[in-house]
Amino acid sequence: NTIEFTGPLHATIVKQVHLKNPSSNTLAYNAVLVGRDAHDFSLPKGNTVTMPATRQGFLTVEFTIRFLHPAEAVLILISNKVDGIEGATLAFSLKSEVKNIEPLGMIKCRSPCYEL
């Protein structure tokens, strides 16, 4: 699965990964960000998520678009044993795309175009 972070340059994009636990046991995951631009992504609400039986959980991923080139990383969710039960390891591709560039400010100045 791919999670896309699209927006204007310098914008902070927040996405939530929605996880469902269909089993009758509690599942817990540790999240790890790896890859070329992993340092540009963050997990502001922590890197763990616990889901009670037949419930759902959310993991928040944040990214600030700092450069024009696309950023890429991988979010890996590694299961922790809870009550002796271990879930499957999950992986998500994280990609960014700059949709537009808005100026942070404008400066107006006058200058001669040419002088002898």
C-alpha atoms as a PDB file:
ATOM      1  CA  ASN A   1       0.000   0.000   0.000  1.00  0.00           C
ATOM      2  CA  THR A   2       1.163   3.550  -0.744  1.00  0.00           C
ATOM      3  CA  ILE A   3       0.377   6.596   1.363  1.00  0.00           C
ATOM      4  CA  GLU A   4       0.740   9.827  -0.614  1.00  0.00           C
ATOM      5  CA  PHE A   5       1.564  13.180   0.946  1.00  0.00           C
ATOM      6  CA  THR A   6       0.621  15.870  -1.571  1.00  0.00           C
ATOM      7  CA  GLY A   7       0.406  19.609  -1.055  1.00  0.00           C
ATOM      8  CA  PRO A   8       2.163  22.929  -1.528  1.00  0.00           C
ATOM      9  CA  LEU A   9       5.846  23.430  -0.793  1.00  0.00           C
ATOM     10  CA  HIS A  10       6.536  23.980   2.960  1.00  0.00           C
ATOM     11  CA  ALA A  11       3.139  22.541   3.971  1.00  0.00           C
ATOM     12  CA  THR A  12       2.864  19.988   6.760  1.00  0.00           C
ATOM     13  CA  ILE A  13       0.707  17.036   5.750  1.00  0.00           C
ATOM     14  CA  VAL A  14      -0.737  14.700   8.379  1.00  0.00           C
ATOM     15  CA  LYS A  15      -2.081  11.264   7.480  1.00  0.00           C
ATOM     16  CA  GLN A  16      -3.559   8.562   9.668  1.00  0.00           C
ATOM     17  CA  VAL A  17      -2.971   4.896   8.965  1.00  0.00           C
ATOM     18  CA  HIS A  18      -6.191   3.059   9.848  1.00  0.00           C
ATOM     19  CA  LEU A  19      -5.549  -0.416  11.218  1.00  0.00           C
ATOM     20  CA  LYS A  20      -8.227  -3.019  11.963  1.00  0.00           C
ATOM     21  CA  ASN A  21      -7.917  -5.988  14.273  1.00  0.00           C
ATOM     22  CA  PRO A  22     -10.352  -8.721  13.158  1.00  0.00           C
ATOM     23  CA  SER A  23      -9.000 -11.266  15.655  1.00  0.00           C
ATOM     24  CA  SER A  24     -10.259 -12.010  19.147  1.00  0.00           C
ATOM     25  CA  ASN A  25      -6.888 -11.085  20.680  1.00  0.00           C
ATOM     26  CA  THR A  26      -5.224  -7.750  21.387  1.00  0.00           C
ATOM     27  CA  LEU A  27      -2.554  -6.725  18.857  1.00  0.00           C
ATOM     28  CA  ALA A  28       0.258  -4.223  19.358  1.00  0.00           C
ATOM     29  CA  TYR A  29       2.656  -2.787  16.794  1.00  0.00           C
ATOM     30  CA  ASN A  30       5.885  -0.770  16.865  1.00  0.00           C
ATOM     31  CA  ALA A  31       6.330   1.570  13.898  1.00  0.00           C
ATOM     32  CA  VAL A  32       9.690   2.180  12.217  1.00  0.00           C
ATOM     33  CA  LEU A  33      10.450   4.625   9.390  1.00  0.00           C
ATOM     34  CA  VAL A  34      13.223   3.532   7.008  1.00  0.00           C
ATOM     35  CA  GLY A  35      14.539   4.657   3.651  1.00  0.00           C
ATOM     36  CA  ARG A  36      16.242   7.528   1.863  1.00  0.00           C
ATOM     37  CA  ASP A  37      14.016  10.296   3.263  1.00  0.00           C
ATOM     38  CA  ALA A  38      12.810   8.618   6.471  1.00  0.00           C
ATOM     39  CA  HIS A  39      14.190  11.500   8.563  1.00  0.00           C
ATOM     40  CA  ASP A  40      11.677  13.879   6.908  1.00  0.00           C
ATOM     41  CA  PHE A  41       8.693  11.827   8.144  1.00  0.00           C
ATOM     42  CA  SER A  42       7.673  11.638  11.790  1.00  0.00           C
ATOM     43  CA  LEU A  43       5.274   9.843  14.110  1.00  0.00           C
ATOM     44  CA  PRO A  44       4.051  12.724  16.323  1.00  0.00           C
ATOM     45  CA  LYS A  45       1.807  10.593  18.549  1.00  0.00           C
ATOM     46  CA  GLY A  46       4.449   7.945  19.183  1.00  0.00           C
ATOM     47  CA  ASN A  47       5.593   4.839  17.405  1.00  0.00           C
ATOM     48  CA  THR A  48       3.302   2.309  19.088  1.00  0.00           C
ATOM     49  CA  VAL A  49      -0.322   1.392  18.480  1.00  0.00           C
ATOM     50  CA  THR A  50      -2.407  -1.118  20.431  1.00  0.00           C
ATOM     51  CA  MET A  51      -5.672  -2.526  19.126  1.00  0.00           C
ATOM     52  CA  PRO A  52      -8.040  -4.439  21.404  1.00  0.00           C
ATOM     53  CA  ALA A  53      -9.824  -7.478  19.987  1.00  0.00           C
ATOM     54  CA  THR A  54     -12.130  -6.718  17.029  1.00  0.00           C
ATOM     55  CA  ARG A  55     -11.354  -3.009  17.304  1.00  0.00           C
ATOM     56  CA  GLN A  56      -9.338  -0.548  15.262  1.00  0.00           C
ATOM     57  CA  GLY A  57      -6.388   1.746  15.819  1.00  0.00           C
ATOM     58  CA  PHE A  58      -4.761   4.723  14.151  1.00  0.00           C
ATOM     59  CA  LEU A  59      -1.136   5.666  13.628  1.00  0.00           C
ATOM     60  CA  THR A  60      -0.421   9.297  12.727  1.00  0.00           C
ATOM     61  CA  VAL A  61       2.328  10.061  10.181  1.00  0.00           C
ATOM     62  CA  GLU A  62       3.462  13.643   9.556  1.00  0.00           C
ATOM     63  CA  PHE A  63       5.532  15.084   6.717  1.00  0.00           C
ATOM     64  CA  THR A  64       6.666  18.638   5.938  1.00  0.00           C
ATOM     65  CA  ILE A  65       7.398  19.211   2.247  1.00  0.00           C
ATOM     66  CA  ARG A  66      10.814  20.905   2.236  1.00  0.00           C
ATOM     67  CA  PHE A  67      12.104  20.162  -1.266  1.00  0.00           C
ATOM     68  CA  LEU A  68      10.717  19.986  -4.795  1.00  0.00           C
ATOM     69  CA  HIS A  69      11.959  16.443  -5.398  1.00  0.00           C
ATOM     70  CA  PRO A  70       9.662  13.619  -4.233  1.00  0.00           C
ATOM     71  CA  ALA A  71      10.484  12.110  -0.853  1.00  0.00           C
ATOM     72  CA  GLU A  72      10.256   8.370  -0.298  1.00  0.00           C
ATOM     73  CA  ALA A  73      10.330   6.186   2.793  1.00  0.00           C
ATOM     74  CA  VAL A  74       8.802   2.987   4.133  1.00  0.00           C
ATOM     75  CA  LEU A  75       6.678   2.638   7.262  1.00  0.00           C
ATOM     76  CA  ILE A  76       7.122  -0.801   8.811  1.00  0.00           C
ATOM     77  CA  LEU A  77       4.785  -1.991  11.569  1.00  0.00           C
ATOM     78  CA  ILE A  78       6.355  -4.788  13.598  1.00  0.00           C
ATOM     79  CA  SER A  79       4.061  -6.798  15.850  1.00  0.00           C
ATOM     80  CA  ASN A  80       4.708  -7.152  19.584  1.00  0.00           C
ATOM     81  CA  LYS A  81       3.537 -10.289  21.337  1.00  0.00           C
ATOM     82  CA  VAL A  82       0.463  -9.625  23.474  1.00  0.00           C
ATOM     83  CA  ASP A  83      -0.973 -12.583  25.374  1.00  0.00           C
ATOM     84  CA  GLY A  84       1.330 -14.820  23.308  1.00  0.00           C
ATOM     85  CA  ILE A  85      -0.269 -13.698  20.032  1.00  0.00           C
ATOM     86  CA  GLU A  86       1.779 -12.032  17.313  1.00  0.00           C
ATOM     87  CA  GLY A  87       0.331 -10.229  14.279  1.00  0.00           C
ATOM     88  CA  ALA A  88       1.723 -10.004  10.767  1.00  0.00           C
ATOM     89  CA  THR A  89       4.371  -7.415   9.906  1.00  0.00           C
ATOM     90  CA  LEU A  90       2.912  -4.608   7.788  1.00  0.00           C
ATOM     91  CA  ALA A  91       4.717  -2.271   5.366  1.00  0.00           C
ATOM     92  CA  PHE A  92       3.525   0.937   3.705  1.00  0.00           C
ATOM     93  CA  SER A  93       5.288   2.996   1.060  1.00  0.00           C
ATOM     94  CA  LEU A  94       5.351   6.742   1.849  1.00  0.00           C
ATOM     95  CA  LYS A  95       5.697   9.184  -1.064  1.00  0.00           C
ATOM     96  CA  SER A  96       5.414  12.942  -1.402  1.00  0.00           C
ATOM     97  CA  GLU A  97       4.562  15.215  -4.283  1.00  0.00           C
ATOM     98  CA  VAL A  98       4.620  19.016  -4.508  1.00  0.00           C
ATOM     99  CA  LYS A  99       1.353  20.191  -6.077  1.00  0.00           C
ATOM    100  CA  ASN A 100       2.080  23.926  -6.150  1.00  0.00           C
ATOM    101  CA  ILE A 101       4.464  26.553  -4.848  1.00  0.00           C
ATOM    102  CA  GLU A 102       3.091  29.451  -2.881  1.00  0.00           C
ATOM    103  CA  PRO A 103       5.448  32.320  -2.038  1.00  0.00           C
ATOM    104  CA  LEU A 104       6.244  32.853   1.619  1.00  0.00           C
ATOM    105  CA  GLY A 105       6.377  36.605   0.940  1.00  0.00           C
ATOM    106  CA  MET A 106       7.017  39.191  -1.736  1.00  0.00           C
ATOM    107  CA  ILE A 107       9.544  41.986  -1.926  1.00  0.00           C
ATOM    108  CA  LYS A 108       9.041  44.922  -4.266  1.00  0.00           C
ATOM    109  CA  CYS A 109      12.128  46.831  -5.357  1.00  0.00           C
ATOM    110  CA  ARG A 110      13.189  49.284  -8.070  1.00  0.00           C
ATOM    111  CA  SER A 111      16.443  49.123  -9.896  1.00  0.00           C
ATOM    112  CA  PRO A 112      17.765  50.439 -13.197  1.00  0.00           C
ATOM    113  CA  CYS A 113      17.958  47.766 -15.836  1.00  0.00           C
ATOM    114  CA  TYR A 114      21.124  49.194 -17.381  1.00  0.00           C
ATOM    115  CA  GLU A 115      23.676  51.884 -16.593  1.00  0.00           C
ATOM    116  CA  LEU A 116      26.675  53.047 -18.605  1.00  0.00           C
END
